Amino acid sequence: MRKVLILFLMALPLLAGAQTTALMGIDVSKYQGTVDWPKVANDNRLAFVYVKATEGATLTDERFATNVAEAQKAGLAVGCYHVYSRHTNAQGQFENFKATVKGCGMTLIPVVDIEPEPGFDLNIKRVDMLLQLLEQEYGVKPMIYTTMEAYKKYFNLERYASYHVYIACYDLKFPDTRYTLWQYTPKEKVAGIMGYVDGVKLHPTYTLEDIKLK
């Protein structure tokens, strides 16, 4: 027993180090304005970026095409995300995303940003349909972005166990749910971006290969 305890204590610094050396990234949208992507890529903390593509059935982020192209040119791994809307059906939202990202060369699996509006329950059947349409199109389950509260209410179920989860959590040292990506702050500062940007960490047990489009 004493030997096991000693080995455990010796491993603690390694475990702590794994958390601090987790790969980092950012997610961006039009709200970051014009981004100097070569400067962003020079930040040796950063390995990847998720770029907003669409929202609902009709909205396209006006900086999407430029952000994707310039981030890729700068050498970052790039994924695209869609913001779910309760106002439009799954097919319409899927078609909007598909048309917008076509040919953009994204290398990371798509993300669906699902943040239930206060006072409205999530239409989980519509969400499931959107997730299924994306999986059929891209051959991989999309990642689910949500808050810890929404994850616990809607997605902490066996049928979502095989999905990667992207958790927004700003108040705890680490999310108290499972996660693949963790949006740990909305106020990260990165050279090349005016103002703040969302900071993201990849869980230390994963690599970028785990979330790449195959």
N, C-alpha and C. Protein backbone atom coordinates (compact mmCIF):
# COMPACT_ATOMS: atom_id res chain seq x y z
N MET A 1 0.84 -1.20 0.00
CA MET A 1 0.00 0.00 0.00
C MET A 1 0.87 1.25 0.00
N ARG A 2 1.94 1.23 0.84
CA ARG A 2 2.84 2.37 0.93
C ARG A 2 3.53 2.63 -0.42
N LYS A 3 3.91 1.55 -1.12
CA LYS A 3 4.56 1.69 -2.43
C LYS A 3 3.61 2.32 -3.44
N VAL A 4 2.33 1.92 -3.42
CA VAL A 4 1.33 2.48 -4.33
C VAL A 4 1.15 3.96 -4.08
N LEU A 5 1.12 4.35 -2.78
CA LEU A 5 0.94 5.75 -2.42
C LEU A 5 2.11 6.59 -2.91
N ILE A 6 3.32 6.06 -2.76
CA ILE A 6 4.51 6.79 -3.20
C ILE A 6 4.49 7.00 -4.71
N LEU A 7 4.12 5.95 -5.45
CA LEU A 7 4.05 6.07 -6.91
C LEU A 7 3.01 7.09 -7.34
N PHE A 8 1.88 7.11 -6.63
CA PHE A 8 0.82 8.09 -6.92
C PHE A 8 1.31 9.51 -6.70
N LEU A 9 1.98 9.72 -5.56
CA LEU A 9 2.47 11.06 -5.25
C LEU A 9 3.52 11.51 -6.27
N MET A 10 4.34 10.57 -6.73
CA MET A 10 5.34 10.91 -7.74
C MET A 10 4.68 11.30 -9.06
N ALA A 11 3.52 10.74 -9.33
CA ALA A 11 2.83 11.01 -10.60
C ALA A 11 2.08 12.33 -10.61
N LEU A 12 1.80 12.91 -9.43
CA LEU A 12 0.99 14.12 -9.36
C LEU A 12 1.56 15.27 -10.20
N PRO A 13 2.87 15.55 -10.15
CA PRO A 13 3.38 16.63 -11.01
C PRO A 13 3.15 16.38 -12.49
N LEU A 14 3.24 15.11 -12.89
CA LEU A 14 3.01 14.78 -14.30
C LEU A 14 1.57 15.04 -14.68
N LEU A 15 0.64 14.70 -13.78
CA LEU A 15 -0.78 14.94 -14.06
C LEU A 15 -1.07 16.42 -14.14
N ALA A 16 -0.49 17.18 -13.23
CA ALA A 16 -0.68 18.62 -13.26
C ALA A 16 -0.10 19.21 -14.54
N GLY A 17 1.07 18.71 -14.94
CA GLY A 17 1.70 19.19 -16.16
C GLY A 17 0.86 18.91 -17.39
N ALA A 18 0.19 17.74 -17.38
CA ALA A 18 -0.66 17.39 -18.53
C ALA A 18 -1.75 18.42 -18.71
N GLN A 19 -2.32 18.92 -17.60
CA GLN A 19 -3.37 19.91 -17.70
C GLN A 19 -2.83 21.23 -18.24
N THR A 20 -1.62 21.65 -17.78
CA THR A 20 -1.11 22.94 -18.18
C THR A 20 -0.56 22.93 -19.61
N THR A 21 -0.24 21.76 -20.13
CA THR A 21 0.32 21.69 -21.48
C THR A 21 -0.71 21.25 -22.52
N ALA A 22 -1.98 21.23 -22.16
CA ALA A 22 -3.03 20.88 -23.12
C ALA A 22 -2.97 21.83 -24.31
N LEU A 23 -3.21 21.30 -25.51
CA LEU A 23 -3.23 22.14 -26.70
C LEU A 23 -4.30 23.21 -26.58
N MET A 24 -3.98 24.40 -27.06
CA MET A 24 -4.90 25.52 -26.97
C MET A 24 -5.34 25.98 -28.35
N GLY A 25 -6.50 26.60 -28.38
CA GLY A 25 -7.03 27.17 -29.60
C GLY A 25 -7.93 28.35 -29.28
N ILE A 26 -8.62 28.84 -30.29
CA ILE A 26 -9.58 29.94 -30.13
C ILE A 26 -10.78 29.65 -31.02
N ASP A 27 -11.89 30.35 -30.76
CA ASP A 27 -12.96 30.36 -31.76
C ASP A 27 -13.31 31.80 -32.08
N VAL A 28 -13.62 32.04 -33.34
CA VAL A 28 -13.79 33.41 -33.83
C VAL A 28 -15.05 33.55 -34.67
N SER A 29 -15.50 34.78 -34.78
CA SER A 29 -16.63 35.13 -35.65
C SER A 29 -16.41 36.56 -36.13
N LYS A 30 -17.41 37.13 -36.74
CA LYS A 30 -17.29 38.51 -37.24
C LYS A 30 -17.00 39.50 -36.12
N TYR A 31 -17.33 39.13 -34.89
CA TYR A 31 -17.15 40.06 -33.77
C TYR A 31 -15.68 40.32 -33.45
N GLN A 32 -14.79 39.49 -33.96
CA GLN A 32 -13.36 39.76 -33.79
C GLN A 32 -12.83 40.72 -34.86
N GLY A 33 -13.69 41.09 -35.81
CA GLY A 33 -13.27 42.03 -36.84
C GLY A 33 -12.21 41.42 -37.75
N THR A 34 -11.35 42.29 -38.27
CA THR A 34 -10.28 41.84 -39.16
C THR A 34 -9.15 41.25 -38.32
N VAL A 35 -8.85 39.98 -38.56
CA VAL A 35 -7.83 39.27 -37.78
C VAL A 35 -6.53 39.21 -38.58
N ASP A 36 -5.43 39.48 -37.90
CA ASP A 36 -4.10 39.33 -38.50
C ASP A 36 -3.66 37.90 -38.23
N TRP A 37 -3.99 36.99 -39.15
CA TRP A 37 -3.77 35.56 -38.90
C TRP A 37 -2.30 35.17 -38.80
N PRO A 38 -1.38 35.75 -39.55
CA PRO A 38 0.03 35.41 -39.31
C PRO A 38 0.47 35.72 -37.88
N LYS A 39 0.01 36.85 -37.33
CA LYS A 39 0.34 37.17 -35.94
C LYS A 39 -0.28 36.16 -34.99
N VAL A 40 -1.53 35.79 -35.24
CA VAL A 40 -2.20 34.80 -34.39
C VAL A 40 -1.42 33.49 -34.41
N ALA A 41 -1.04 33.04 -35.59
CA ALA A 41 -0.33 31.77 -35.73
C ALA A 41 1.04 31.79 -35.08
N ASN A 42 1.60 32.99 -34.88
CA ASN A 42 2.90 33.09 -34.22
C ASN A 42 2.82 32.89 -32.71
N ASP A 43 1.60 32.87 -32.18
CA ASP A 43 1.41 32.58 -30.75
C ASP A 43 1.62 31.08 -30.56
N ASN A 44 2.74 30.69 -29.96
CA ASN A 44 3.07 29.27 -29.88
C ASN A 44 2.19 28.49 -28.92
N ARG A 45 1.24 29.16 -28.27
CA ARG A 45 0.26 28.43 -27.46
C ARG A 45 -0.81 27.80 -28.33
N LEU A 46 -1.04 28.35 -29.52
CA LEU A 46 -2.23 28.02 -30.30
C LEU A 46 -1.94 27.01 -31.41
N ALA A 47 -2.86 26.04 -31.54
CA ALA A 47 -2.72 25.00 -32.56
C ALA A 47 -3.92 24.92 -33.49
N PHE A 48 -5.06 25.46 -33.07
CA PHE A 48 -6.28 25.29 -33.87
C PHE A 48 -7.23 26.45 -33.66
N VAL A 49 -8.20 26.55 -34.57
CA VAL A 49 -9.23 27.58 -34.48
C VAL A 49 -10.54 27.02 -35.00
N TYR A 50 -11.63 27.37 -34.34
CA TYR A 50 -12.97 27.11 -34.87
C TYR A 50 -13.56 28.45 -35.31
N VAL A 51 -14.08 28.44 -36.54
CA VAL A 51 -14.59 29.66 -37.18
C VAL A 51 -16.10 29.54 -37.34
N LYS A 52 -16.81 30.59 -36.93
CA LYS A 52 -18.27 30.57 -37.12
C LYS A 52 -18.60 30.61 -38.61
N ALA A 53 -19.46 29.69 -39.03
CA ALA A 53 -19.91 29.64 -40.42
C ALA A 53 -21.32 30.18 -40.57
N THR A 54 -22.25 29.61 -39.78
CA THR A 54 -23.66 29.89 -40.01
C THR A 54 -24.45 29.94 -38.70
N GLU A 55 -25.68 30.43 -38.85
CA GLU A 55 -26.63 30.45 -37.73
C GLU A 55 -28.02 30.29 -38.31
N GLY A 56 -28.79 29.36 -37.75
CA GLY A 56 -30.12 29.14 -38.28
C GLY A 56 -30.10 28.68 -39.73
N ALA A 57 -31.16 29.02 -40.46
CA ALA A 57 -31.31 28.54 -41.84
C ALA A 57 -30.85 29.55 -42.89
N THR A 58 -30.55 30.78 -42.48
CA THR A 58 -30.25 31.81 -43.48
C THR A 58 -29.01 32.64 -43.19
N LEU A 59 -28.57 32.71 -41.94
CA LEU A 59 -27.47 33.60 -41.59
C LEU A 59 -26.11 32.96 -41.87
N THR A 60 -25.23 33.75 -42.47
CA THR A 60 -23.84 33.35 -42.70
C THR A 60 -22.94 34.41 -42.09
N ASP A 61 -21.92 33.98 -41.37
CA ASP A 61 -21.00 34.94 -40.78
C ASP A 61 -20.22 35.65 -41.89
N GLU A 62 -20.25 36.96 -41.87
CA GLU A 62 -19.67 37.74 -42.96
C GLU A 62 -18.15 37.62 -43.05
N ARG A 63 -17.49 37.18 -41.99
CA ARG A 63 -16.03 37.02 -42.00
C ARG A 63 -15.62 35.57 -42.23
N PHE A 64 -16.58 34.67 -42.45
CA PHE A 64 -16.27 33.25 -42.49
C PHE A 64 -15.23 32.89 -43.54
N ALA A 65 -15.50 33.20 -44.80
CA ALA A 65 -14.61 32.76 -45.88
C ALA A 65 -13.20 33.30 -45.69
N THR A 66 -13.08 34.57 -45.32
CA THR A 66 -11.77 35.17 -45.10
C THR A 66 -11.07 34.54 -43.92
N ASN A 67 -11.78 34.36 -42.82
CA ASN A 67 -11.16 33.78 -41.63
C ASN A 67 -10.64 32.36 -41.90
N VAL A 68 -11.45 31.55 -42.56
CA VAL A 68 -11.02 30.17 -42.84
C VAL A 68 -9.79 30.16 -43.74
N ALA A 69 -9.85 30.90 -44.82
CA ALA A 69 -8.75 30.89 -45.78
C ALA A 69 -7.45 31.40 -45.16
N GLU A 70 -7.54 32.50 -44.41
CA GLU A 70 -6.34 33.10 -43.84
C GLU A 70 -5.79 32.28 -42.68
N ALA A 71 -6.66 31.68 -41.89
CA ALA A 71 -6.20 30.82 -40.79
C ALA A 71 -5.48 29.59 -41.34
N GLN A 72 -6.02 29.00 -42.40
CA GLN A 72 -5.37 27.85 -43.02
C GLN A 72 -4.02 28.25 -43.62
N LYS A 73 -3.99 29.38 -44.29
CA LYS A 73 -2.76 29.87 -44.90
C LYS A 73 -1.68 30.09 -43.84
N ALA A 74 -2.12 30.49 -42.64
CA ALA A 74 -1.17 30.73 -41.54
C ALA A 74 -0.71 29.43 -40.88
N GLY A 75 -1.34 28.31 -41.24
CA GLY A 75 -0.88 27.02 -40.75
C GLY A 75 -1.64 26.44 -39.58
N LEU A 76 -2.79 27.02 -39.24
CA LEU A 76 -3.60 26.51 -38.14
C LEU A 76 -4.57 25.43 -38.61
N ALA A 77 -4.83 24.45 -37.75
CA ALA A 77 -5.92 23.50 -38.01
C ALA A 77 -7.24 24.24 -37.84
N VAL A 78 -8.17 24.04 -38.79
CA VAL A 78 -9.39 24.85 -38.82
C VAL A 78 -10.63 23.97 -38.83
N GLY A 79 -11.58 24.32 -37.96
CA GLY A 79 -12.90 23.72 -37.96
C GLY A 79 -13.96 24.80 -38.11
N CYS A 80 -15.19 24.40 -38.40
CA CYS A 80 -16.28 25.35 -38.62
C CYS A 80 -17.42 25.03 -37.68
N TYR A 81 -18.13 26.07 -37.24
CA TYR A 81 -19.27 25.81 -36.35
C TYR A 81 -20.53 26.51 -36.81
N HIS A 82 -21.63 25.88 -36.44
CA HIS A 82 -22.98 26.37 -36.74
C HIS A 82 -23.70 26.66 -35.44
N VAL A 83 -24.37 27.80 -35.37
CA VAL A 83 -25.16 28.15 -34.19
C VAL A 83 -26.61 27.70 -34.41
N TYR A 84 -27.04 26.77 -33.58
CA TYR A 84 -28.39 26.24 -33.66
C TYR A 84 -29.42 27.32 -33.34
N SER A 85 -30.54 27.30 -34.06
CA SER A 85 -31.64 28.22 -33.81
C SER A 85 -32.92 27.45 -33.55
N ARG A 86 -33.67 27.88 -32.56
CA ARG A 86 -34.96 27.23 -32.28
C ARG A 86 -36.04 27.67 -33.25
N HIS A 87 -35.73 28.63 -34.10
CA HIS A 87 -36.76 29.21 -34.97
C HIS A 87 -36.88 28.51 -36.32
N THR A 88 -35.93 27.66 -36.67
CA THR A 88 -35.96 27.04 -38.00
C THR A 88 -35.71 25.54 -37.91
N ASN A 89 -36.16 24.80 -38.92
CA ASN A 89 -36.07 23.34 -38.85
C ASN A 89 -34.65 22.84 -39.11
N ALA A 90 -34.44 21.58 -38.81
CA ALA A 90 -33.11 20.99 -38.91
C ALA A 90 -32.61 20.97 -40.35
N GLN A 91 -33.49 20.64 -41.29
CA GLN A 91 -33.07 20.54 -42.70
C GLN A 91 -32.56 21.89 -43.20
N GLY A 92 -33.29 22.94 -42.89
CA GLY A 92 -32.88 24.27 -43.34
C GLY A 92 -31.54 24.68 -42.75
N GLN A 93 -31.32 24.37 -41.48
CA GLN A 93 -30.06 24.72 -40.83
C GLN A 93 -28.91 23.91 -41.43
N PHE A 94 -29.17 22.64 -41.67
CA PHE A 94 -28.15 21.78 -42.28
C PHE A 94 -27.77 22.29 -43.67
N GLU A 95 -28.76 22.63 -44.48
CA GLU A 95 -28.49 23.09 -45.84
C GLU A 95 -27.69 24.39 -45.83
N ASN A 96 -27.99 25.26 -44.89
CA ASN A 96 -27.25 26.51 -44.77
C ASN A 96 -25.78 26.25 -44.47
N PHE A 97 -25.53 25.39 -43.50
CA PHE A 97 -24.14 25.06 -43.13
C PHE A 97 -23.42 24.38 -44.28
N LYS A 98 -24.06 23.40 -44.87
CA LYS A 98 -23.44 22.63 -45.95
C LYS A 98 -23.03 23.53 -47.11
N ALA A 99 -23.94 24.42 -47.52
CA ALA A 99 -23.64 25.30 -48.65
C ALA A 99 -22.53 26.28 -48.31
N THR A 100 -22.49 26.75 -47.08
CA THR A 100 -21.51 27.76 -46.69
C THR A 100 -20.10 27.19 -46.59
N VAL A 101 -19.96 25.98 -46.03
CA VAL A 101 -18.62 25.41 -45.81
C VAL A 101 -18.11 24.61 -47.00
N LYS A 102 -18.95 24.41 -48.01
CA LYS A 102 -18.55 23.59 -49.16
C LYS A 102 -17.24 24.11 -49.76
N GLY A 103 -16.27 23.22 -49.86
CA GLY A 103 -15.01 23.57 -50.50
C GLY A 103 -14.07 24.41 -49.66
N CYS A 104 -14.41 24.65 -48.38
CA CYS A 104 -13.57 25.53 -47.56
C CYS A 104 -12.32 24.81 -47.04
N GLY A 105 -12.33 23.47 -47.07
CA GLY A 105 -11.14 22.73 -46.65
C GLY A 105 -10.98 22.57 -45.16
N MET A 106 -12.08 22.63 -44.41
CA MET A 106 -11.97 22.45 -42.96
C MET A 106 -11.36 21.09 -42.66
N THR A 107 -10.54 21.04 -41.61
CA THR A 107 -9.85 19.80 -41.26
C THR A 107 -10.31 19.21 -39.93
N LEU A 108 -11.06 19.97 -39.15
CA LEU A 108 -11.59 19.48 -37.88
C LEU A 108 -13.08 19.22 -38.00
N ILE A 109 -13.59 18.31 -37.19
CA ILE A 109 -15.00 17.95 -37.30
C ILE A 109 -15.89 19.15 -36.99
N PRO A 110 -17.04 19.25 -37.66
CA PRO A 110 -17.92 20.40 -37.43
C PRO A 110 -18.50 20.41 -36.02
N VAL A 111 -18.82 21.61 -35.58
CA VAL A 111 -19.40 21.83 -34.25
C VAL A 111 -20.78 22.45 -34.39
N VAL A 112 -21.72 21.98 -33.57
CA VAL A 112 -23.03 22.62 -33.46
C VAL A 112 -23.12 23.31 -32.11
N ASP A 113 -23.26 24.61 -32.13
CA ASP A 113 -23.36 25.44 -30.93
C ASP A 113 -24.82 25.44 -30.47
N ILE A 114 -25.07 24.79 -29.35
CA ILE A 114 -26.45 24.63 -28.85
C ILE A 114 -26.56 25.27 -27.48
N GLU A 115 -27.17 26.44 -27.44
CA GLU A 115 -27.34 27.18 -26.20
C GLU A 115 -28.81 27.54 -26.03
N PRO A 116 -29.56 26.75 -25.25
CA PRO A 116 -30.99 27.01 -25.10
C PRO A 116 -31.26 28.42 -24.58
N GLU A 117 -32.23 29.08 -25.19
CA GLU A 117 -32.60 30.41 -24.74
C GLU A 117 -33.36 30.33 -23.41
N PRO A 118 -33.14 31.27 -22.51
CA PRO A 118 -33.86 31.27 -21.24
C PRO A 118 -35.38 31.25 -21.46
N GLY A 119 -36.04 30.37 -20.74
CA GLY A 119 -37.49 30.29 -20.83
C GLY A 119 -38.00 29.34 -21.90
N PHE A 120 -37.09 28.75 -22.69
CA PHE A 120 -37.50 27.83 -23.75
C PHE A 120 -36.76 26.51 -23.60
N ASP A 121 -37.53 25.41 -23.62
CA ASP A 121 -36.91 24.10 -23.61
C ASP A 121 -36.33 23.79 -24.98
N LEU A 122 -35.28 23.02 -25.01
CA LEU A 122 -34.65 22.64 -26.26
C LEU A 122 -35.51 21.61 -26.98
N ASN A 123 -35.73 21.82 -28.27
CA ASN A 123 -36.44 20.85 -29.09
C ASN A 123 -35.44 19.75 -29.46
N ILE A 124 -35.34 18.74 -28.60
CA ILE A 124 -34.28 17.75 -28.74
C ILE A 124 -34.45 16.91 -30.01
N LYS A 125 -35.67 16.73 -30.48
CA LYS A 125 -35.87 15.99 -31.73
C LYS A 125 -35.26 16.75 -32.90
N ARG A 126 -35.41 18.06 -32.90
CA ARG A 126 -34.83 18.87 -33.97
C ARG A 126 -33.31 18.85 -33.89
N VAL A 127 -32.79 18.94 -32.67
CA VAL A 127 -31.33 18.86 -32.48
C VAL A 127 -30.81 17.53 -32.98
N ASP A 128 -31.46 16.44 -32.61
CA ASP A 128 -31.01 15.12 -33.04
C ASP A 128 -31.04 14.99 -34.56
N MET A 129 -32.05 15.54 -35.19
CA MET A 129 -32.13 15.48 -36.65
C MET A 129 -30.96 16.23 -37.28
N LEU A 130 -30.64 17.41 -36.76
CA LEU A 130 -29.52 18.18 -37.28
C LEU A 130 -28.21 17.42 -37.10
N LEU A 131 -28.01 16.82 -35.94
CA LEU A 131 -26.80 16.04 -35.69
C LEU A 131 -26.70 14.87 -36.67
N GLN A 132 -27.82 14.22 -36.92
CA GLN A 132 -27.82 13.06 -37.83
C GLN A 132 -27.52 13.49 -39.26
N LEU A 133 -28.09 14.60 -39.70
CA LEU A 133 -27.84 15.09 -41.06
C LEU A 133 -26.36 15.43 -41.26
N LEU A 134 -25.77 16.04 -40.26
CA LEU A 134 -24.35 16.38 -40.35
C LEU A 134 -23.48 15.13 -40.37
N GLU A 135 -23.84 14.15 -39.56
CA GLU A 135 -23.07 12.91 -39.54
C GLU A 135 -23.14 12.19 -40.89
N GLN A 136 -24.32 12.16 -41.48
CA GLN A 136 -24.49 11.53 -42.79
C GLN A 136 -23.66 12.24 -43.85
N GLU A 137 -23.57 13.55 -43.77
CA GLU A 137 -22.86 14.33 -44.78
C GLU A 137 -21.34 14.21 -44.64
N TYR A 138 -20.84 14.25 -43.41
CA TYR A 138 -19.40 14.34 -43.19
C TYR A 138 -18.77 13.05 -42.68
N GLY A 139 -19.59 12.03 -42.44
CA GLY A 139 -19.07 10.74 -42.06
C GLY A 139 -18.51 10.66 -40.65
N VAL A 140 -18.87 11.62 -39.82
CA VAL A 140 -18.39 11.65 -38.44
C VAL A 140 -19.41 12.41 -37.61
N LYS A 141 -19.57 12.02 -36.37
CA LYS A 141 -20.50 12.74 -35.50
C LYS A 141 -19.98 14.15 -35.25
N PRO A 142 -20.82 15.17 -35.41
CA PRO A 142 -20.38 16.52 -35.09
C PRO A 142 -20.15 16.68 -33.59
N MET A 143 -19.38 17.67 -33.23
CA MET A 143 -19.16 17.96 -31.81
C MET A 143 -20.30 18.84 -31.30
N ILE A 144 -20.70 18.61 -30.07
CA ILE A 144 -21.76 19.40 -29.44
C ILE A 144 -21.14 20.45 -28.53
N TYR A 145 -21.35 21.73 -28.86
CA TYR A 145 -20.94 22.83 -27.99
C TYR A 145 -22.13 23.24 -27.14
N THR A 146 -21.92 23.35 -25.84
CA THR A 146 -23.01 23.78 -24.97
C THR A 146 -22.45 24.19 -23.62
N THR A 147 -23.31 24.71 -22.76
CA THR A 147 -22.91 25.05 -21.41
C THR A 147 -22.97 23.80 -20.52
N MET A 148 -22.33 23.88 -19.36
CA MET A 148 -22.39 22.74 -18.44
C MET A 148 -23.83 22.46 -18.01
N GLU A 149 -24.59 23.52 -17.77
CA GLU A 149 -25.97 23.34 -17.33
C GLU A 149 -26.80 22.64 -18.39
N ALA A 150 -26.66 23.07 -19.65
CA ALA A 150 -27.42 22.44 -20.73
C ALA A 150 -26.94 21.02 -20.98
N TYR A 151 -25.64 20.78 -20.85
CA TYR A 151 -25.14 19.41 -21.01
C TYR A 151 -25.79 18.49 -19.99
N LYS A 152 -25.83 18.91 -18.75
CA LYS A 152 -26.39 18.07 -17.69
C LYS A 152 -27.89 17.84 -17.90
N LYS A 153 -28.58 18.83 -18.45
CA LYS A 153 -30.02 18.72 -18.63
C LYS A 153 -30.40 17.90 -19.85
N TYR A 154 -29.64 18.05 -20.96
CA TYR A 154 -30.07 17.45 -22.23
C TYR A 154 -29.14 16.36 -22.79
N PHE A 155 -27.86 16.46 -22.51
CA PHE A 155 -26.90 15.60 -23.24
C PHE A 155 -26.15 14.59 -22.40
N ASN A 156 -26.39 14.58 -21.12
CA ASN A 156 -25.72 13.62 -20.25
C ASN A 156 -26.47 12.28 -20.28
N LEU A 157 -26.57 11.73 -21.50
CA LEU A 157 -27.33 10.52 -21.75
C LEU A 157 -26.48 9.55 -22.56
N GLU A 158 -26.80 8.28 -22.46
CA GLU A 158 -26.02 7.25 -23.14
C GLU A 158 -25.98 7.48 -24.65
N ARG A 159 -27.07 7.96 -25.24
CA ARG A 159 -27.09 8.10 -26.69
C ARG A 159 -26.16 9.20 -27.21
N TYR A 160 -25.67 10.05 -26.32
CA TYR A 160 -24.70 11.07 -26.72
C TYR A 160 -23.28 10.73 -26.29
N ALA A 161 -23.08 9.56 -25.73
CA ALA A 161 -21.78 9.20 -25.17
C ALA A 161 -20.67 9.16 -26.21
N SER A 162 -21.02 8.89 -27.47
CA SER A 162 -20.00 8.78 -28.52
C SER A 162 -19.73 10.12 -29.21
N TYR A 163 -20.40 11.18 -28.77
CA TYR A 163 -20.15 12.51 -29.34
C TYR A 163 -19.04 13.21 -28.56
N HIS A 164 -18.18 13.91 -29.29
CA HIS A 164 -17.27 14.84 -28.62
C HIS A 164 -18.09 16.02 -28.10
N VAL A 165 -17.69 16.53 -26.94
CA VAL A 165 -18.42 17.63 -26.31
C VAL A 165 -17.48 18.81 -26.09
N TYR A 166 -17.99 19.99 -26.38
CA TYR A 166 -17.25 21.25 -26.26
C TYR A 166 -18.00 22.06 -25.20
N ILE A 167 -17.40 22.19 -24.02
CA ILE A 167 -18.08 22.78 -22.88
C ILE A 167 -17.60 24.20 -22.62
N ALA A 168 -18.57 25.12 -22.48
CA ALA A 168 -18.26 26.48 -22.03
C ALA A 168 -18.36 26.51 -20.51
N CYS A 169 -17.26 26.84 -19.86
CA CYS A 169 -17.21 26.85 -18.40
C CYS A 169 -16.16 27.86 -17.96
N TYR A 170 -16.61 28.96 -17.35
CA TYR A 170 -15.70 30.03 -16.97
C TYR A 170 -15.48 30.14 -15.45
N ASP A 171 -16.29 29.45 -14.67
CA ASP A 171 -16.28 29.67 -13.22
C ASP A 171 -15.55 28.61 -12.42
N LEU A 172 -15.19 27.49 -13.04
CA LEU A 172 -14.53 26.41 -12.34
C LEU A 172 -13.13 26.21 -12.89
N LYS A 173 -12.27 25.59 -12.10
CA LYS A 173 -10.92 25.30 -12.56
C LYS A 173 -10.95 24.37 -13.77
N PHE A 174 -11.83 23.38 -13.72
CA PHE A 174 -12.07 22.49 -14.84
C PHE A 174 -13.57 22.19 -14.88
N PRO A 175 -14.14 21.89 -16.06
CA PRO A 175 -15.55 21.48 -16.11
C PRO A 175 -15.79 20.24 -15.26
N ASP A 176 -16.95 20.16 -14.64
CA ASP A 176 -17.27 18.96 -13.86
C ASP A 176 -18.11 17.99 -14.68
N THR A 177 -18.01 18.10 -16.00
CA THR A 177 -18.60 17.14 -16.93
C THR A 177 -17.47 16.63 -17.83
N ARG A 178 -17.74 15.58 -18.58
CA ARG A 178 -16.76 15.15 -19.57
C ARG A 178 -16.66 16.22 -20.65
N TYR A 179 -15.51 16.31 -21.30
CA TYR A 179 -15.36 17.25 -22.39
C TYR A 179 -14.17 16.86 -23.26
N THR A 180 -14.23 17.28 -24.51
CA THR A 180 -13.10 17.19 -25.42
C THR A 180 -12.45 18.56 -25.57
N LEU A 181 -13.28 19.58 -25.81
CA LEU A 181 -12.82 20.96 -25.82
C LEU A 181 -13.47 21.72 -24.68
N TRP A 182 -12.71 22.64 -24.11
CA TRP A 182 -13.19 23.45 -22.99
C TRP A 182 -12.96 24.92 -23.32
N GLN A 183 -14.04 25.66 -23.47
CA GLN A 183 -13.95 27.11 -23.63
C GLN A 183 -13.83 27.69 -22.23
N TYR A 184 -12.60 28.03 -21.87
CA TYR A 184 -12.32 28.38 -20.47
C TYR A 184 -12.46 29.87 -20.18
N THR A 185 -12.50 30.69 -21.23
CA THR A 185 -12.69 32.13 -21.03
C THR A 185 -13.21 32.77 -22.29
N PRO A 186 -14.04 33.82 -22.17
CA PRO A 186 -14.42 34.61 -23.34
C PRO A 186 -13.52 35.83 -23.49
N LYS A 187 -12.47 35.91 -22.67
CA LYS A 187 -11.64 37.12 -22.61
C LYS A 187 -10.16 36.81 -22.75
N GLU A 188 -9.83 35.92 -23.68
CA GLU A 188 -8.42 35.66 -23.97
C GLU A 188 -7.87 36.80 -24.83
N LYS A 189 -6.59 37.11 -24.65
CA LYS A 189 -5.93 38.11 -25.47
C LYS A 189 -4.89 37.43 -26.35
N VAL A 190 -4.97 37.69 -27.65
CA VAL A 190 -4.07 37.09 -28.61
C VAL A 190 -3.58 38.17 -29.56
N ALA A 191 -2.29 38.24 -29.78
CA ALA A 191 -1.74 39.21 -30.73
C ALA A 191 -2.33 38.94 -32.11
N GLY A 192 -2.78 40.01 -32.77
CA GLY A 192 -3.40 39.88 -34.08
C GLY A 192 -4.91 40.01 -34.03
N ILE A 193 -5.47 40.03 -32.81
CA ILE A 193 -6.92 40.17 -32.64
C ILE A 193 -7.18 41.35 -31.72
N MET A 194 -7.97 42.29 -32.19
CA MET A 194 -8.35 43.43 -31.37
C MET A 194 -9.39 42.98 -30.35
N GLY A 195 -9.22 43.39 -29.11
CA GLY A 195 -10.18 43.02 -28.08
C GLY A 195 -10.00 41.59 -27.64
N TYR A 196 -11.11 41.01 -27.15
CA TYR A 196 -11.06 39.67 -26.59
C TYR A 196 -11.46 38.61 -27.61
N VAL A 197 -11.07 37.36 -27.30
CA VAL A 197 -11.47 36.21 -28.11
C VAL A 197 -11.67 35.04 -27.16
N ASP A 198 -12.53 34.08 -27.56
CA ASP A 198 -12.75 32.89 -26.73
C ASP A 198 -11.50 32.02 -26.71
N GLY A 199 -11.05 31.66 -25.52
CA GLY A 199 -9.93 30.75 -25.37
C GLY A 199 -10.41 29.33 -25.17
N VAL A 200 -9.73 28.37 -25.80
CA VAL A 200 -10.18 26.98 -25.81
C VAL A 200 -9.00 26.07 -25.47
N LYS A 201 -9.27 25.01 -24.70
CA LYS A 201 -8.25 24.00 -24.42
C LYS A 201 -8.76 22.63 -24.82
N LEU A 202 -7.89 21.86 -25.44
CA LEU A 202 -8.18 20.47 -25.76
C LEU A 202 -7.88 19.63 -24.53
N HIS A 203 -8.80 18.72 -24.20
CA HIS A 203 -8.56 17.85 -23.04
C HIS A 203 -7.22 17.15 -23.21
N PRO A 204 -6.40 17.09 -22.16
CA PRO A 204 -5.04 16.54 -22.30
C PRO A 204 -4.96 15.08 -22.69
N THR A 205 -6.08 14.34 -22.61
CA THR A 205 -6.05 12.95 -23.06
C THR A 205 -6.32 12.82 -24.57
N TYR A 206 -6.60 13.95 -25.24
CA TYR A 206 -6.85 13.94 -26.68
C TYR A 206 -5.74 14.65 -27.44
N THR A 207 -5.65 14.35 -28.73
CA THR A 207 -4.80 15.10 -29.65
C THR A 207 -5.70 15.62 -30.77
N LEU A 208 -5.14 16.47 -31.62
CA LEU A 208 -5.92 16.99 -32.75
C LEU A 208 -6.36 15.88 -33.68
N GLU A 209 -5.62 14.76 -33.72
CA GLU A 209 -6.01 13.64 -34.57
C GLU A 209 -7.38 13.10 -34.18
N ASP A 210 -7.73 13.23 -32.90
CA ASP A 210 -9.02 12.70 -32.42
C ASP A 210 -10.20 13.50 -32.91
N ILE A 211 -9.98 14.75 -33.30
CA ILE A 211 -11.11 15.56 -33.76
C ILE A 211 -10.93 16.00 -35.22
N LYS A 212 -10.07 15.34 -35.95
CA LYS A 212 -9.90 15.65 -37.36
C LYS A 212 -10.93 14.92 -38.21
N LEU A 213 -11.33 15.56 -39.29
CA LEU A 213 -12.15 14.88 -40.30
C LEU A 213 -11.30 13.80 -40.95
N LYS A 214 -11.84 12.62 -41.06
CA LYS A 214 -11.06 11.50 -41.62
C LYS A 214 -11.20 11.46 -43.13
